[in-house]
PDB file of N, CA and C in Angstrom:
ATOM      1  N   UNK A   1     -10.540 -65.491  52.234  1.00  0.00           N
ATOM      2  CA  UNK A   1      -9.758 -64.289  52.387  1.00  0.00           C
ATOM      3  C   UNK A   1      -8.271 -64.653  52.364  1.00  0.00           C
ATOM      4  N   UNK A   2      -7.475 -63.813  51.720  1.00  0.00           N
ATOM      5  CA  UNK A   2      -6.046 -64.072  51.608  1.00  0.00           C
ATOM      6  C   UNK A   2      -5.344 -63.807  52.935  1.00  0.00           C
ATOM      7  N   UNK A   3      -4.306 -64.581  53.197  1.00  0.00           N
ATOM      8  CA  UNK A   3      -3.529 -64.401  54.415  1.00  0.00           C
ATOM      9  C   UNK A   3      -2.522 -63.284  54.211  1.00  0.00           C
ATOM     10  N   UNK A   4      -2.176 -62.604  55.281  1.00  0.00           N
ATOM     11  CA  UNK A   4      -1.217 -61.517  55.226  1.00  0.00           C
ATOM     12  C   UNK A   4       0.169 -62.063  54.879  1.00  0.00           C
ATOM     13  N   UNK A   5       0.826 -61.460  53.883  1.00  0.00           N
ATOM     14  CA  UNK A   5       2.172 -61.864  53.510  1.00  0.00           C
ATOM     15  C   UNK A   5       2.242 -63.047  52.568  1.00  0.00           C
ATOM     16  N   UNK A   6       1.105 -63.553  52.138  1.00  0.00           N
ATOM     17  CA  UNK A   6       1.104 -64.705  51.239  1.00  0.00           C
ATOM     18  C   UNK A   6       1.588 -64.264  49.858  1.00  0.00           C
ATOM     19  N   UNK A   7       2.549 -64.976  49.297  1.00  0.00           N
ATOM     20  CA  UNK A   7       3.094 -64.632  47.993  1.00  0.00           C
ATOM     21  C   UNK A   7       4.275 -63.686  48.072  1.00  0.00           C
ATOM     22  N   UNK A   8       4.554 -63.147  49.253  1.00  0.00           N
ATOM     23  CA  UNK A   8       5.679 -62.237  49.435  1.00  0.00           C
ATOM     24  C   UNK A   8       6.850 -62.978  50.077  1.00  0.00           C
ATOM     25  N   UNK A   9       8.044 -62.539  49.744  1.00  0.00           N
ATOM     26  CA  UNK A   9       9.234 -63.189  50.290  1.00  0.00           C
ATOM     27  C   UNK A   9      10.244 -62.132  50.712  1.00  0.00           C
ATOM     28  N   UNK A  10      10.998 -62.415  51.767  1.00  0.00           N
ATOM     29  CA  UNK A  10      12.072 -61.533  52.199  1.00  0.00           C
ATOM     30  C   UNK A  10      13.283 -61.793  51.307  1.00  0.00           C
ATOM     31  N   UNK A  11      13.880 -60.714  50.786  1.00  0.00           N
ATOM     32  CA  UNK A  11      15.033 -60.861  49.905  1.00  0.00           C
ATOM     33  C   UNK A  11      16.167 -59.965  50.386  1.00  0.00           C
ATOM     34  N   UNK A  12      17.360 -60.246  49.902  1.00  0.00           N
ATOM     35  CA  UNK A  12      18.540 -59.456  50.190  1.00  0.00           C
ATOM     36  C   UNK A  12      19.052 -58.863  48.894  1.00  0.00           C
ATOM     37  N   UNK A  13      19.256 -57.554  48.882  1.00  0.00           N
ATOM     38  CA  UNK A  13      19.843 -56.872  47.734  1.00  0.00           C
ATOM     39  C   UNK A  13      21.304 -56.610  48.055  1.00  0.00           C
ATOM     40  N   UNK A  14      22.216 -57.137  47.240  1.00  0.00           N
ATOM     41  CA  UNK A  14      23.661 -57.036  47.473  1.00  0.00           C
ATOM     42  C   UNK A  14      24.268 -56.070  46.473  1.00  0.00           C
ATOM     43  N   UNK A  15      25.125 -55.175  46.941  1.00  0.00           N
ATOM     44  CA  UNK A  15      25.804 -54.213  46.081  1.00  0.00           C
ATOM     45  C   UNK A  15      26.745 -54.937  45.122  1.00  0.00           C
ATOM     46  N   UNK A  16      26.824 -54.446  43.889  1.00  0.00           N
ATOM     47  CA  UNK A  16      27.717 -55.054  42.901  1.00  0.00           C
ATOM     48  C   UNK A  16      29.160 -54.578  43.074  1.00  0.00           C
ATOM     49  N   UNK A  17      29.369 -53.503  43.879  1.00  0.00           N
ATOM     50  CA  UNK A  17      30.716 -52.941  44.000  1.00  0.00           C
ATOM     51  C   UNK A  17      31.289 -52.965  45.410  1.00  0.00           C
ATOM     52  N   UNK A  18      30.487 -53.315  46.413  1.00  0.00           N
ATOM     53  CA  UNK A  18      30.992 -53.395  47.789  1.00  0.00           C
ATOM     54  C   UNK A  18      30.260 -54.515  48.528  1.00  0.00           C
ATOM     55  N   UNK A  19      30.448 -54.591  49.846  1.00  0.00           N
ATOM     56  CA  UNK A  19      29.820 -55.642  50.646  1.00  0.00           C
ATOM     57  C   UNK A  19      28.513 -55.199  51.296  1.00  0.00           C
ATOM     58  N   UNK A  20      28.006 -54.042  50.945  1.00  0.00           N
ATOM     59  CA  UNK A  20      26.791 -53.514  51.567  1.00  0.00           C
ATOM     60  C   UNK A  20      25.553 -54.262  51.079  1.00  0.00           C
ATOM     61  N   UNK A  21      24.556 -54.413  51.969  1.00  0.00           N
ATOM     62  CA  UNK A  21      23.317 -55.127  51.647  1.00  0.00           C
ATOM     63  C   UNK A  21      22.111 -54.340  52.127  1.00  0.00           C
ATOM     64  N   UNK A  22      21.006 -54.462  51.401  1.00  0.00           N
ATOM     65  CA  UNK A  22      19.700 -53.971  51.830  1.00  0.00           C
ATOM     66  C   UNK A  22      18.794 -55.182  51.965  1.00  0.00           C
ATOM     67  N   UNK A  23      17.842 -55.137  52.905  1.00  0.00           N
ATOM     68  CA  UNK A  23      16.868 -56.198  53.093  1.00  0.00           C
ATOM     69  C   UNK A  23      15.494 -55.628  52.836  1.00  0.00           C
ATOM     70  N   UNK A  24      14.678 -56.350  52.049  1.00  0.00           N
ATOM     71  CA  UNK A  24      13.343 -55.886  51.702  1.00  0.00           C
ATOM     72  C   UNK A  24      12.445 -57.086  51.403  1.00  0.00           C
ATOM     73  N   UNK A  25      11.212 -56.833  50.994  1.00  0.00           N
ATOM     74  CA  UNK A  25      10.301 -57.896  50.581  1.00  0.00           C
ATOM     75  C   UNK A  25       9.849 -57.634  49.161  1.00  0.00           C
ATOM     76  N   UNK A  26       9.429 -58.685  48.469  1.00  0.00           N
ATOM     77  CA  UNK A  26       8.873 -58.531  47.141  1.00  0.00           C
ATOM     78  C   UNK A  26       7.802 -59.585  46.921  1.00  0.00           C
ATOM     79  N   UNK A  27       6.911 -59.313  46.000  1.00  0.00           N
ATOM     80  CA  UNK A  27       5.842 -60.225  45.651  1.00  0.00           C
ATOM     81  C   UNK A  27       6.361 -61.156  44.557  1.00  0.00           C
ATOM     82  N   UNK A  28       6.585 -62.425  44.892  1.00  0.00           N
ATOM     83  CA  UNK A  28       7.134 -63.383  43.929  1.00  0.00           C
ATOM     84  C   UNK A  28       6.126 -63.756  42.849  1.00  0.00           C
ATOM     85  N   UNK A  29       4.850 -63.563  43.113  1.00  0.00           N
ATOM     86  CA  UNK A  29       3.828 -63.910  42.129  1.00  0.00           C
ATOM     87  C   UNK A  29       3.816 -62.914  40.969  1.00  0.00           C
ATOM     88  N   UNK A  30       3.978 -61.619  41.259  1.00  0.00           N
ATOM     89  CA  UNK A  30       3.954 -60.610  40.207  1.00  0.00           C
ATOM     90  C   UNK A  30       5.336 -60.322  39.633  1.00  0.00           C
ATOM     91  N   UNK A  31       6.415 -60.638  40.371  1.00  0.00           N
ATOM     92  CA  UNK A  31       7.797 -60.421  39.926  1.00  0.00           C
ATOM     93  C   UNK A  31       8.621 -61.677  40.162  1.00  0.00           C
ATOM     94  N   UNK A  32       8.480 -62.712  39.325  1.00  0.00           N
ATOM     95  CA  UNK A  32       9.209 -63.960  39.588  1.00  0.00           C
ATOM     96  C   UNK A  32      10.705 -63.884  39.284  1.00  0.00           C
ATOM     97  N   UNK A  33      11.132 -62.950  38.428  1.00  0.00           N
ATOM     98  CA  UNK A  33      12.546 -62.863  38.072  1.00  0.00           C
ATOM     99  C   UNK A  33      13.324 -62.118  39.159  1.00  0.00           C
ATOM    100  N   UNK A  34      14.647 -62.185  39.080  1.00  0.00           N
ATOM    101  CA  UNK A  34      15.510 -61.546  40.073  1.00  0.00           C
ATOM    102  C   UNK A  34      15.459 -60.029  39.911  1.00  0.00           C
ATOM    103  N   UNK A  35      15.468 -59.338  41.033  1.00  0.00           N
ATOM    104  CA  UNK A  35      15.368 -57.894  41.049  1.00  0.00           C
ATOM    105  C   UNK A  35      16.755 -57.258  40.911  1.00  0.00           C
ATOM    106  N   UNK A  36      16.834 -56.170  40.137  1.00  0.00           N
ATOM    107  CA  UNK A  36      18.057 -55.370  40.052  1.00  0.00           C
ATOM    108  C   UNK A  36      17.634 -53.910  40.073  1.00  0.00           C
ATOM    109  N   UNK A  37      18.244 -53.132  40.960  1.00  0.00           N
ATOM    110  CA  UNK A  37      17.831 -51.749  41.157  1.00  0.00           C
ATOM    111  C   UNK A  37      19.040 -50.911  41.547  1.00  0.00           C
ATOM    112  N   UNK A  38      19.019 -49.622  41.202  1.00  0.00           N
ATOM    113  CA  UNK A  38      20.087 -48.716  41.616  1.00  0.00           C
ATOM    114  C   UNK A  38      19.684 -48.069  42.930  1.00  0.00           C
ATOM    115  N   UNK A  39      20.582 -48.167  43.924  1.00  0.00           N
ATOM    116  CA  UNK A  39      20.340 -47.592  45.242  1.00  0.00           C
ATOM    117  C   UNK A  39      21.629 -46.944  45.742  1.00  0.00           C
ATOM    118  N   UNK A  40      21.495 -46.158  46.801  1.00  0.00           N
ATOM    119  CA  UNK A  40      22.644 -45.476  47.388  1.00  0.00           C
ATOM    120  C   UNK A  40      23.469 -46.439  48.233  1.00  0.00           C
ATOM    121  N   UNK A  41      24.777 -46.451  47.984  1.00  0.00           N
ATOM    122  CA  UNK A  41      25.713 -47.271  48.766  1.00  0.00           C
ATOM    123  C   UNK A  41      26.463 -46.348  49.724  1.00  0.00           C
ATOM    124  N   UNK A  42      26.196 -46.433  51.027  1.00  0.00           N
ATOM    125  CA  UNK A  42      26.854 -45.515  51.967  1.00  0.00           C
ATOM    126  C   UNK A  42      28.347 -45.756  52.138  1.00  0.00           C
ATOM    127  N   UNK A  43      28.841 -46.945  51.828  1.00  0.00           N
ATOM    128  CA  UNK A  43      30.280 -47.187  51.955  1.00  0.00           C
ATOM    129  C   UNK A  43      31.055 -46.507  50.829  1.00  0.00           C
ATOM    130  N   UNK A  44      30.463 -46.438  49.644  1.00  0.00           N
ATOM    131  CA  UNK A  44      31.107 -45.777  48.503  1.00  0.00           C
ATOM    132  C   UNK A  44      30.631 -44.336  48.332  1.00  0.00           C
ATOM    133  N   UNK A  45      29.543 -43.987  49.002  1.00  0.00           N
ATOM    134  CA  UNK A  45      28.917 -42.668  48.946  1.00  0.00           C
ATOM    135  C   UNK A  45      28.485 -42.280  47.535  1.00  0.00           C
ATOM    136  N   UNK A  46      27.863 -43.234  46.832  1.00  0.00           N
ATOM    137  CA  UNK A  46      27.286 -42.973  45.500  1.00  0.00           C
ATOM    138  C   UNK A  46      26.276 -44.058  45.172  1.00  0.00           C
ATOM    139  N   UNK A  47      25.511 -43.847  44.113  1.00  0.00           N
ATOM    140  CA  UNK A  47      24.517 -44.824  43.689  1.00  0.00           C
ATOM    141  C   UNK A  47      25.172 -45.912  42.849  1.00  0.00           C
ATOM    142  N   UNK A  48      24.852 -47.154  43.139  1.00  0.00           N
ATOM    143  CA  UNK A  48      25.361 -48.309  42.393  1.00  0.00           C
ATOM    144  C   UNK A  48      24.227 -49.304  42.191  1.00  0.00           C
ATOM    145  N   UNK A  49      24.466 -50.295  41.345  1.00  0.00           N
ATOM    146  CA  UNK A  49      23.466 -51.334  41.086  1.00  0.00           C
ATOM    147  C   UNK A  49      23.475 -52.352  42.225  1.00  0.00           C
ATOM    148  N   UNK A  50      22.287 -52.746  42.650  1.00  0.00           N
ATOM    149  CA  UNK A  50      22.095 -53.783  43.658  1.00  0.00           C
ATOM    150  C   UNK A  50      21.339 -54.922  43.002  1.00  0.00           C
ATOM    151  N   UNK A  51      21.792 -56.155  43.217  1.00  0.00           N
ATOM    152  CA  UNK A  51      21.143 -57.327  42.658  1.00  0.00           C
ATOM    153  C   UNK A  51      20.639 -58.219  43.776  1.00  0.00           C
ATOM    154  N   UNK A  52      19.550 -58.908  43.496  1.00  0.00           N
ATOM    155  CA  UNK A  52      18.979 -59.846  44.462  1.00  0.00           C
ATOM    156  C   UNK A  52      19.929 -61.028  44.593  1.00  0.00           C
ATOM    157  N   UNK A  53      20.318 -61.339  45.832  1.00  0.00           N
ATOM    158  CA  UNK A  53      21.221 -62.459  46.051  1.00  0.00           C
ATOM    159  C   UNK A  53      20.432 -63.662  46.511  1.00  0.00           C
ATOM    160  N   UNK A  54      21.061 -64.826  46.469  1.00  0.00           N
ATOM    161  CA  UNK A  54      20.399 -66.055  46.907  1.00  0.00           C
ATOM    162  C   UNK A  54      20.164 -66.016  48.401  1.00  0.00           C
ATOM    163  N   UNK A  55      19.015 -66.486  48.799  1.00  0.00           N
ATOM    164  CA  UNK A  55      18.661 -66.517  50.203  1.00  0.00           C
ATOM    165  C   UNK A  55      19.376 -67.681  50.894  1.00  0.00           C
ATOM    166  N   UNK A  56      19.841 -67.458  52.109  1.00  0.00           N
ATOM    167  CA  UNK A  56      20.508 -68.531  52.854  1.00  0.00           C
ATOM    168  C   UNK A  56      19.531 -69.313  53.709  1.00  0.00           C
ATOM    169  N   UNK A  57      18.242 -69.027  53.597  1.00  0.00           N
ATOM    170  CA  UNK A  57      17.221 -69.726  54.394  1.00  0.00           C
ATOM    171  C   UNK A  57      16.786 -71.006  53.759  1.00  0.00           C
TER     172      UNK A  57
END
């Protein structure tokens, strides 16, 4: 039986236009490339692109 959380990693999504960050998890086995997604930035009050940043762990 598979262990809970196996293959998943905690990642940080960093805004391309400000210092805001989101924290989430992703499955590295099914999505090995870096994630890029448009999300709401509350500091700018609009949607901007967020890119996966390098983990400091």
